[in-house]
Amino acid sequence: MSQNKPRVIKDFNKLEPELQEQIKLTYPFGFSDHLITFTNKDGLLVSALPFETDEKYYLLRMTEREAIKIIEADEDYDDDGNLKQGVRDEYEEKYSDLDYLADSVADDDGDDSYDDD
């Protein structure tokens, strides 16, 4: 992760649809296995899904249970929690010009300084 990018904590459902689609491409088999935990500015332990764009580093607040529910309710995912191939193909074509989608998901570097959005 780039050290000079703004860091934002946000709820998945408050993101623009285009960003949600990009996240689905990054996590085509669901979110729950990719959650990280960190201590927020209030000293509370929080779980979140990391996602990095060219401009920002996001932590999308969600518990494991919420992550599973998001996928179960999303018609882009099949009954097994996998992004449907047709949807995946559509999103890959739509966002083929975004280099950061080709990069692997950044690991938590232990830095807890995030802007709560």
C-alpha atoms as a PDB file:
ATOM      1  CA  MET A   1       0.000   0.000   0.000  1.00  0.00           C
ATOM      2  CA  SER A   2       1.217   3.450  -0.833  1.00  0.00           C
ATOM      3  CA  GLN A   3       1.909   5.513   2.277  1.00  0.00           C
ATOM      4  CA  ASN A   4       0.693   8.795   0.764  1.00  0.00           C
ATOM      5  CA  LYS A   5      -2.840   7.733  -0.213  1.00  0.00           C
ATOM      6  CA  PRO A   6      -5.818   8.930   1.788  1.00  0.00           C
ATOM      7  CA  ARG A   7      -7.139   6.124   3.983  1.00  0.00           C
ATOM      8  CA  VAL A   8     -10.887   5.867   4.324  1.00  0.00           C
ATOM      9  CA  ILE A   9     -13.133   3.726   6.500  1.00  0.00           C
ATOM     10  CA  LYS A  10     -16.557   3.345   4.941  1.00  0.00           C
ATOM     11  CA  ASP A  11     -19.548   1.006   4.811  1.00  0.00           C
ATOM     12  CA  PHE A  12     -19.784  -1.154   1.685  1.00  0.00           C
ATOM     13  CA  ASN A  13     -23.398  -0.147   1.024  1.00  0.00           C
ATOM     14  CA  LYS A  14     -22.419   3.556   1.000  1.00  0.00           C
ATOM     15  CA  LEU A  15     -19.968   3.141  -1.889  1.00  0.00           C
ATOM     16  CA  GLU A  16     -20.758   4.112  -5.458  1.00  0.00           C
ATOM     17  CA  PRO A  17     -22.029   1.133  -7.529  1.00  0.00           C
ATOM     18  CA  GLU A  18     -18.920   1.253  -9.749  1.00  0.00           C
ATOM     19  CA  LEU A  19     -16.642   0.852  -6.749  1.00  0.00           C
ATOM     20  CA  GLN A  20     -18.779  -2.017  -5.438  1.00  0.00           C
ATOM     21  CA  GLU A  21     -18.403  -3.752  -8.819  1.00  0.00           C
ATOM     22  CA  GLN A  22     -14.622  -3.342  -8.683  1.00  0.00           C
ATOM     23  CA  ILE A  23     -14.565  -4.833  -5.194  1.00  0.00           C
ATOM     24  CA  LYS A  24     -16.584  -7.810  -6.427  1.00  0.00           C
ATOM     25  CA  LEU A  25     -13.934  -8.375  -9.108  1.00  0.00           C
ATOM     26  CA  THR A  26     -11.218  -8.280  -6.478  1.00  0.00           C
ATOM     27  CA  TYR A  27     -13.136 -10.716  -4.242  1.00  0.00           C
ATOM     28  CA  PRO A  28     -15.056 -12.993  -6.649  1.00  0.00           C
ATOM     29  CA  PHE A  29     -15.430 -15.746  -4.027  1.00  0.00           C
ATOM     30  CA  GLY A  30     -16.850 -13.552  -1.270  1.00  0.00           C
ATOM     31  CA  PHE A  31     -15.568 -11.203   1.382  1.00  0.00           C
ATOM     32  CA  SER A  32     -15.578 -13.089   4.685  1.00  0.00           C
ATOM     33  CA  ASP A  33     -12.233 -14.861   4.193  1.00  0.00           C
ATOM     34  CA  HIS A  34     -10.487 -11.555   3.478  1.00  0.00           C
ATOM     35  CA  LEU A  35     -11.505  -9.473   6.474  1.00  0.00           C
ATOM     36  CA  ILE A  36      -8.818  -7.871   8.592  1.00  0.00           C
ATOM     37  CA  THR A  37      -9.068  -6.423  12.080  1.00  0.00           C
ATOM     38  CA  PHE A  38      -7.664  -3.153  13.352  1.00  0.00           C
ATOM     39  CA  THR A  39      -8.109  -0.797  16.259  1.00  0.00           C
ATOM     40  CA  ASN A  40     -10.083   2.315  15.326  1.00  0.00           C
ATOM     41  CA  LYS A  41      -9.561   5.844  16.653  1.00  0.00           C
ATOM     42  CA  ASP A  42     -11.815   5.049  19.652  1.00  0.00           C
ATOM     43  CA  GLY A  43      -9.697   2.036  20.630  1.00  0.00           C
ATOM     44  CA  LEU A  44     -12.298  -0.501  19.461  1.00  0.00           C
ATOM     45  CA  LEU A  45     -11.402  -3.614  17.485  1.00  0.00           C
ATOM     46  CA  VAL A  46     -13.094  -3.435  14.083  1.00  0.00           C
ATOM     47  CA  SER A  47     -13.197  -5.851  11.151  1.00  0.00           C
ATOM     48  CA  ALA A  48     -13.110  -4.596   7.583  1.00  0.00           C
ATOM     49  CA  LEU A  49     -12.474  -5.577   3.995  1.00  0.00           C
ATOM     50  CA  PRO A  50      -9.391  -3.857   2.507  1.00  0.00           C
ATOM     51  CA  PHE A  51      -9.582  -2.407  -0.994  1.00  0.00           C
ATOM     52  CA  GLU A  52      -7.068  -0.139  -2.706  1.00  0.00           C
ATOM     53  CA  THR A  53      -7.574   2.087  -5.742  1.00  0.00           C
ATOM     54  CA  ASP A  54      -5.109   4.416  -7.417  1.00  0.00           C
ATOM     55  CA  GLU A  55      -6.423   7.270  -5.288  1.00  0.00           C
ATOM     56  CA  LYS A  56      -7.431   5.763  -1.919  1.00  0.00           C
ATOM     57  CA  TYR A  57      -7.003   2.865   0.474  1.00  0.00           C
ATOM     58  CA  TYR A  58     -10.387   1.731   1.796  1.00  0.00           C
ATOM     59  CA  LEU A  59     -11.339  -0.327   4.799  1.00  0.00           C
ATOM     60  CA  LEU A  60     -14.949  -1.382   4.345  1.00  0.00           C
ATOM     61  CA  ARG A  61     -16.500  -1.965   7.743  1.00  0.00           C
ATOM     62  CA  MET A  62     -18.211  -5.323   8.090  1.00  0.00           C
ATOM     63  CA  THR A  63     -18.330  -8.279  10.412  1.00  0.00           C
ATOM     64  CA  GLU A  64     -17.967 -11.814   9.095  1.00  0.00           C
ATOM     65  CA  ARG A  65     -21.731 -12.268   9.426  1.00  0.00           C
ATOM     66  CA  GLU A  66     -22.381  -9.037   7.489  1.00  0.00           C
ATOM     67  CA  ALA A  67     -19.900 -10.084   4.798  1.00  0.00           C
ATOM     68  CA  ILE A  68     -21.771 -13.353   4.303  1.00  0.00           C
ATOM     69  CA  LYS A  69     -25.167 -11.595   4.231  1.00  0.00           C
ATOM     70  CA  ILE A  70     -23.960  -9.073   1.635  1.00  0.00           C
ATOM     71  CA  ILE A  71     -22.938 -11.887  -0.700  1.00  0.00           C
ATOM     72  CA  GLU A  72     -26.105 -13.934  -0.062  1.00  0.00           C
ATOM     73  CA  ALA A  73     -28.311 -10.941  -0.919  1.00  0.00           C
ATOM     74  CA  ASP A  74     -26.331  -9.925  -4.018  1.00  0.00           C
ATOM     75  CA  GLU A  75     -27.722 -11.270  -7.287  1.00  0.00           C
ATOM     76  CA  ASP A  76     -24.248 -11.019  -8.868  1.00  0.00           C
ATOM     77  CA  TYR A  77     -23.193 -14.013  -6.746  1.00  0.00           C
ATOM     78  CA  ASP A  78     -24.448 -17.584  -7.122  1.00  0.00           C
ATOM     79  CA  ASP A  79     -25.807 -19.809  -4.340  1.00  0.00           C
ATOM     80  CA  ASP A  80     -22.252 -20.925  -3.470  1.00  0.00           C
ATOM     81  CA  GLY A  81     -21.098 -17.342  -2.910  1.00  0.00           C
ATOM     82  CA  ASN A  82     -19.120 -17.066  -6.148  1.00  0.00           C
ATOM     83  CA  LEU A  83     -19.357 -14.161  -8.580  1.00  0.00           C
ATOM     84  CA  LYS A  84     -21.335 -15.407 -11.586  1.00  0.00           C
ATOM     85  CA  GLN A  85     -19.127 -15.894 -14.638  1.00  0.00           C
ATOM     86  CA  GLY A  86     -21.232 -13.644 -16.886  1.00  0.00           C
ATOM     87  CA  VAL A  87     -21.119 -10.860 -14.319  1.00  0.00           C
ATOM     88  CA  ARG A  88     -17.399 -11.356 -13.829  1.00  0.00           C
ATOM     89  CA  ASP A  89     -16.792 -11.165 -17.591  1.00  0.00           C
ATOM     90  CA  GLU A  90     -18.898  -7.988 -17.837  1.00  0.00           C
ATOM     91  CA  TYR A  91     -17.047  -6.276 -14.978  1.00  0.00           C
ATOM     92  CA  GLU A  92     -13.632  -7.372 -16.261  1.00  0.00           C
ATOM     93  CA  GLU A  93     -14.412  -5.795 -19.621  1.00  0.00           C
ATOM     94  CA  LYS A  94     -15.915  -2.676 -18.029  1.00  0.00           C
ATOM     95  CA  TYR A  95     -12.878  -2.085 -15.780  1.00  0.00           C
ATOM     96  CA  SER A  96     -10.107  -3.514 -17.966  1.00  0.00           C
ATOM     97  CA  ASP A  97      -8.318  -0.154 -18.011  1.00  0.00           C
ATOM     98  CA  LEU A  98      -7.861  -0.044 -14.216  1.00  0.00           C
ATOM     99  CA  ASP A  99      -4.378  -1.275 -13.357  1.00  0.00           C
ATOM    100  CA  TYR A 100      -5.065  -1.528  -9.638  1.00  0.00           C
ATOM    101  CA  LEU A 101      -7.558  -4.322 -10.221  1.00  0.00           C
ATOM    102  CA  ALA A 102      -4.744  -6.458 -11.567  1.00  0.00           C
ATOM    103  CA  ASP A 103      -2.731  -5.919  -8.394  1.00  0.00           C
ATOM    104  CA  SER A 104      -3.152  -8.207  -5.415  1.00  0.00           C
ATOM    105  CA  VAL A 105      -5.061  -6.989  -2.386  1.00  0.00           C
ATOM    106  CA  ALA A 106      -2.791  -5.080  -0.016  1.00  0.00           C
ATOM    107  CA  ASP A 107      -2.004  -6.591   3.366  1.00  0.00           C
ATOM    108  CA  ASP A 108      -2.534  -4.715   6.589  1.00  0.00           C
ATOM    109  CA  ASP A 109       0.708  -2.902   7.381  1.00  0.00           C
ATOM    110  CA  GLY A 110      -0.210  -2.306  11.012  1.00  0.00           C
ATOM    111  CA  ASP A 111      -0.750   1.432  10.563  1.00  0.00           C
ATOM    112  CA  ASP A 112      -4.036   2.327  12.222  1.00  0.00           C
ATOM    113  CA  SER A 113      -4.346   5.915  10.981  1.00  0.00           C
ATOM    114  CA  TYR A 114      -7.547   5.950   8.942  1.00  0.00           C
ATOM    115  CA  ASP A 115     -10.090   8.672   8.304  1.00  0.00           C
ATOM    116  CA  ASP A 116     -13.538   7.564   9.388  1.00  0.00           C
ATOM    117  CA  ASP A 117     -15.919   8.511   6.568  1.00  0.00           C
END
